[in-house]
C-alpha atoms as a PDB file:
ATOM      1  CA  LEU A   1       0.000   0.000   0.000  1.00  0.00           C
ATOM      2  CA  TYR A   2       2.814   2.385   0.832  1.00  0.00           C
ATOM      3  CA  GLU A   3       4.494   1.721  -2.542  1.00  0.00           C
ATOM      4  CA  PHE A   4       1.250   2.860  -4.188  1.00  0.00           C
ATOM      5  CA  GLY A   5       1.337   6.094  -2.189  1.00  0.00           C
ATOM      6  CA  TYR A   6      -0.912   5.327   0.799  1.00  0.00           C
ATOM      7  CA  GLY A   7      -0.591   8.150   3.317  1.00  0.00           C
ATOM      8  CA  GLU A   8       0.811  10.602   0.764  1.00  0.00           C
ATOM      9  CA  PRO A   9      -1.086  13.769  -0.271  1.00  0.00           C
ATOM     10  CA  GLY A  10      -1.588  12.589  -3.876  1.00  0.00           C
ATOM     11  CA  CYS A  11      -3.274   9.325  -2.872  1.00  0.00           C
ATOM     12  CA  LYS A  12      -7.032   9.385  -2.330  1.00  0.00           C
ATOM     13  CA  VAL A  13      -8.474   6.718  -0.020  1.00  0.00           C
ATOM     14  CA  PHE A  14     -12.037   5.395  -0.338  1.00  0.00           C
ATOM     15  CA  ARG A  15     -13.743   2.998   2.064  1.00  0.00           C
ATOM     16  CA  ASP A  16     -16.584   0.776   0.838  1.00  0.00           C
ATOM     17  CA  TRP A  17     -19.104   2.640   2.997  1.00  0.00           C
ATOM     18  CA  ASP A  18     -18.179   6.027   1.531  1.00  0.00           C
ATOM     19  CA  ASP A  19     -20.844   7.560  -0.733  1.00  0.00           C
ATOM     20  CA  ASN A  20     -18.172   8.260  -3.352  1.00  0.00           C
ATOM     21  CA  PHE A  21     -16.673   4.731  -3.384  1.00  0.00           C
ATOM     22  CA  PRO A  22     -15.499   4.460  -7.031  1.00  0.00           C
ATOM     23  CA  VAL A  23     -16.675   0.900  -7.790  1.00  0.00           C
ATOM     24  CA  THR A  24     -19.616  -1.384  -7.176  1.00  0.00           C
ATOM     25  CA  ILE A  25     -18.976  -4.942  -6.022  1.00  0.00           C
ATOM     26  CA  LYS A  26     -21.460  -7.794  -6.322  1.00  0.00           C
ATOM     27  CA  GLY A  27     -21.454 -11.551  -5.805  1.00  0.00           C
ATOM     28  CA  VAL A  28     -19.587 -11.833  -2.490  1.00  0.00           C
ATOM     29  CA  ASP A  29     -19.870 -10.671   1.120  1.00  0.00           C
ATOM     30  CA  TYR A  30     -17.029  -8.175   1.279  1.00  0.00           C
ATOM     31  CA  SER A  31     -15.267  -5.226   2.778  1.00  0.00           C
ATOM     32  CA  ALA A  32     -13.084  -3.119   0.500  1.00  0.00           C
ATOM     33  CA  LEU A  33     -10.622  -0.263   0.328  1.00  0.00           C
ATOM     34  CA  ALA A  34      -9.664   1.679  -2.805  1.00  0.00           C
ATOM     35  CA  LEU A  35      -6.605   3.868  -3.290  1.00  0.00           C
ATOM     36  CA  SER A  36      -6.467   6.241  -6.250  1.00  0.00           C
ATOM     37  CA  GLY A  37      -3.577   8.230  -7.680  1.00  0.00           C
ATOM     38  CA  ASN A  38      -1.380   8.737 -10.759  1.00  0.00           C
ATOM     39  CA  GLY A  39      -4.056   7.445 -13.135  1.00  0.00           C
ATOM     40  CA  LYS A  40      -4.386   4.094 -11.336  1.00  0.00           C
ATOM     41  CA  MET A  41      -6.454   2.508  -8.614  1.00  0.00           C
ATOM     42  CA  LEU A  42      -5.567  -0.195  -6.120  1.00  0.00           C
ATOM     43  CA  LEU A  43      -8.623  -2.107  -4.894  1.00  0.00           C
ATOM     44  CA  ILE A  44      -8.395  -4.487  -1.943  1.00  0.00           C
ATOM     45  CA  ILE A  45     -11.445  -6.751  -1.585  1.00  0.00           C
ATOM     46  CA  CYS A  46     -11.792  -9.032   1.463  1.00  0.00           C
ATOM     47  CA  ASP A  47     -14.436 -11.770   1.556  1.00  0.00           C
ATOM     48  CA  TYR A  48     -15.940 -12.501   4.969  1.00  0.00           C
ATOM     49  CA  GLY A  49     -18.432 -15.132   3.799  1.00  0.00           C
ATOM     50  CA  ASN A  50     -18.431 -18.224   1.642  1.00  0.00           C
ATOM     51  CA  GLY A  51     -16.673 -16.672  -1.335  1.00  0.00           C
ATOM     52  CA  GLY A  52     -17.904 -16.689  -4.909  1.00  0.00           C
ATOM     53  CA  THR A  53     -17.438 -14.777  -8.129  1.00  0.00           C
ATOM     54  CA  ALA A  54     -16.797 -11.119  -7.388  1.00  0.00           C
ATOM     55  CA  GLU A  55     -18.022  -8.660 -10.006  1.00  0.00           C
ATOM     56  CA  VAL A  56     -16.387  -5.228  -9.925  1.00  0.00           C
ATOM     57  CA  THR A  57     -17.789  -2.328 -11.953  1.00  0.00           C
ATOM     58  CA  LEU A  58     -16.198   1.111 -12.276  1.00  0.00           C
ATOM     59  CA  LYS A  59     -18.553   3.969 -11.501  1.00  0.00           C
ATOM     60  CA  PRO A  60     -18.691   6.842 -14.023  1.00  0.00           C
ATOM     61  CA  GLY A  61     -16.111   9.556 -13.537  1.00  0.00           C
ATOM     62  CA  THR A  62     -13.115   7.466 -12.441  1.00  0.00           C
ATOM     63  CA  GLY A  63     -11.179   8.393 -15.579  1.00  0.00           C
ATOM     64  CA  LEU A  64      -9.716   4.879 -15.770  1.00  0.00           C
ATOM     65  CA  LYS A  65      -9.516   2.789 -18.954  1.00  0.00           C
ATOM     66  CA  GLY A  66     -10.788  -0.387 -17.303  1.00  0.00           C
ATOM     67  CA  LEU A  67      -7.651  -2.522 -17.404  1.00  0.00           C
ATOM     68  CA  PHE A  68      -7.820  -4.942 -14.451  1.00  0.00           C
ATOM     69  CA  ARG A  69      -4.996  -7.069 -13.059  1.00  0.00           C
ATOM     70  CA  CYS A  70      -4.945  -9.235  -9.926  1.00  0.00           C
ATOM     71  CA  SER A  71      -1.722  -9.065  -7.888  1.00  0.00           C
ATOM     72  CA  ASP A  72      -1.580 -12.858  -7.415  1.00  0.00           C
ATOM     73  CA  ASN A  73      -2.326 -13.590 -11.105  1.00  0.00           C
ATOM     74  CA  THR A  74      -5.860 -14.819 -10.364  1.00  0.00           C
ATOM     75  CA  PRO A  75      -7.594 -14.973 -13.765  1.00  0.00           C
ATOM     76  CA  VAL A  76      -9.725 -11.868 -14.366  1.00  0.00           C
ATOM     77  CA  LYS A  77     -12.587 -11.856 -16.863  1.00  0.00           C
ATOM     78  CA  THR A  78     -13.163  -8.478 -18.497  1.00  0.00           C
ATOM     79  CA  LEU A  79     -16.739  -7.176 -18.435  1.00  0.00           C
ATOM     80  CA  LYS A  80     -18.236  -3.927 -19.698  1.00  0.00           C
ATOM     81  CA  ASN A  81     -16.792  -1.258 -17.341  1.00  0.00           C
ATOM     82  CA  GLY A  82     -15.521  -3.942 -14.990  1.00  0.00           C
ATOM     83  CA  CYS A  83     -14.294  -7.443 -14.330  1.00  0.00           C
ATOM     84  CA  SER A  84     -15.085 -10.634 -12.463  1.00  0.00           C
ATOM     85  CA  PHE A  85     -12.898 -13.169 -10.680  1.00  0.00           C
ATOM     86  CA  VAL A  86     -13.179 -15.973  -8.147  1.00  0.00           C
ATOM     87  CA  LEU A  87     -12.721 -14.871  -4.539  1.00  0.00           C
ATOM     88  CA  PRO A  88     -12.515 -17.777  -2.076  1.00  0.00           C
ATOM     89  CA  GLY A  89     -14.260 -17.501   1.288  1.00  0.00           C
ATOM     90  CA  ASN A  90     -12.390 -15.587   3.978  1.00  0.00           C
ATOM     91  CA  ASP A  91      -9.708 -14.529   1.533  1.00  0.00           C
ATOM     92  CA  PHE A  92      -8.720 -11.326  -0.280  1.00  0.00           C
ATOM     93  CA  ARG A  93      -7.539 -10.075  -3.650  1.00  0.00           C
ATOM     94  CA  ILE A  94      -5.703  -6.918  -4.651  1.00  0.00           C
ATOM     95  CA  LEU A  95      -6.626  -5.488  -8.053  1.00  0.00           C
ATOM     96  CA  THR A  96      -4.694  -2.862  -9.964  1.00  0.00           C
ATOM     97  CA  ILE A  97      -6.983  -0.880 -12.242  1.00  0.00           C
ATOM     98  CA  GLU A  98      -5.735   1.473 -14.945  1.00  0.00           C
END
């Protein structure tokens, strides 16, 4: 997180309960944190249930192209304005979005 810029003035932090959280997430019981800066976003999604297929959709106005990559090389399926991937129960994934 610190390599991305967490804690620095140019890094915006969004919590999943914030009204302006930049993505929607469906398909899993989750908590999430998004960091935004330098034309990229880092999205950390934690499952606290039985897992499933997480579907992430960018909200309008993010300015991102919609290129999604999982830090552990979990396969990511590209969707319109988003992606989906398998998130096991009680696990997490870190997505880089450009």
